[in-house]
Amino acid sequence: MKEIEEKFMTQGKFTSLVEQRVKDSQGLINYIEAVASVCEEFEIEAVSYTHLRAHETVLDLVCRLLL
């Protein structure tokens, strides 16, 4: 359970940083740049959708289906 809590806390921090950077700028290109810059800070690398699905957990599946 602690791992799940940490995952959501990290996601919340990621989202907050992106939202702050978007507020400081305007337009879609700046949103993409904001996401890219936060990804660099978190050392997140892009992976394919197939790769993501291969590592999907039951919790991820439920969350994705709820969207």
Protein backbone atom coordinates (compact mmCIF):
# COMPACT_ATOMS: atom_id res chain seq x y z
CA MET A 1 0.00 0.00 0.00
CA LYS A 2 2.87 2.37 0.77
CA GLU A 3 4.19 1.91 -2.77
CA ILE A 4 0.81 2.96 -4.19
CA GLU A 5 0.68 6.03 -1.92
CA GLU A 6 4.19 7.05 -2.99
CA LYS A 7 3.25 6.59 -6.65
CA PHE A 8 0.25 8.90 -6.33
CA MET A 9 2.23 11.46 -4.32
CA THR A 10 4.88 11.52 -7.06
CA GLN A 11 2.19 11.83 -9.74
CA GLY A 12 0.62 14.71 -7.81
CA LYS A 13 3.95 16.50 -7.58
CA PHE A 14 4.54 15.92 -11.30
CA THR A 15 1.09 17.27 -12.17
CA SER A 16 1.54 20.30 -9.91
CA LEU A 17 4.86 21.19 -11.52
CA VAL A 18 3.38 20.90 -15.01
CA GLU A 19 0.33 22.99 -14.07
CA GLN A 20 2.56 25.70 -12.57
CA ARG A 21 4.68 25.88 -15.70
CA VAL A 22 1.60 26.00 -17.93
CA LYS A 23 0.23 28.92 -15.87
CA ASP A 24 3.51 30.72 -16.50
CA SER A 25 3.07 30.29 -20.26
CA GLN A 26 0.36 30.00 -22.90
CA GLY A 27 -0.66 27.56 -25.61
CA LEU A 28 -0.27 23.89 -26.43
CA ILE A 29 3.38 24.07 -27.40
CA ASN A 30 4.24 25.51 -24.00
CA TYR A 31 2.21 22.76 -22.31
CA ILE A 32 4.22 20.15 -24.19
CA GLU A 33 7.44 21.95 -23.25
CA ALA A 34 6.32 22.05 -19.59
CA VAL A 35 5.64 18.30 -19.57
CA ALA A 36 8.98 17.63 -21.26
CA SER A 37 10.92 19.74 -18.76
CA VAL A 38 9.27 18.07 -15.76
CA CYS A 39 9.95 14.65 -17.33
CA GLU A 40 13.61 15.58 -17.52
CA GLU A 41 13.63 16.54 -13.82
CA PHE A 42 12.00 13.23 -12.87
CA GLU A 43 14.33 11.40 -15.28
CA ILE A 44 11.33 9.95 -17.13
CA GLU A 45 11.94 8.47 -20.56
CA ALA A 46 9.28 7.92 -23.20
CA VAL A 47 8.18 4.33 -23.82
CA SER A 48 5.72 2.82 -26.26
CA TYR A 49 2.09 2.15 -25.39
CA THR A 50 2.78 -1.57 -25.89
CA HIS A 51 5.59 -1.37 -23.33
CA LEU A 52 3.27 0.31 -20.83
CA ARG A 53 0.58 -2.31 -21.32
CA ALA A 54 3.14 -5.09 -20.82
CA HIS A 55 3.85 -3.77 -17.30
CA GLU A 56 0.29 -2.84 -16.43
CA THR A 57 -0.95 -3.84 -12.98
CA VAL A 58 -4.54 -4.50 -11.93
CA LEU A 59 -4.65 -1.04 -10.31
CA ASP A 60 -3.43 0.59 -13.53
CA LEU A 61 -6.03 -1.30 -15.53
CA VAL A 62 -8.85 -0.20 -13.23
CA CYS A 63 -7.70 3.42 -13.35
CA ARG A 64 -7.41 3.33 -17.15
CA LEU A 65 -10.89 1.82 -17.52
CA LEU A 66 -12.36 4.46 -15.22
CA LEU A 67 -11.06 7.21 -17.49
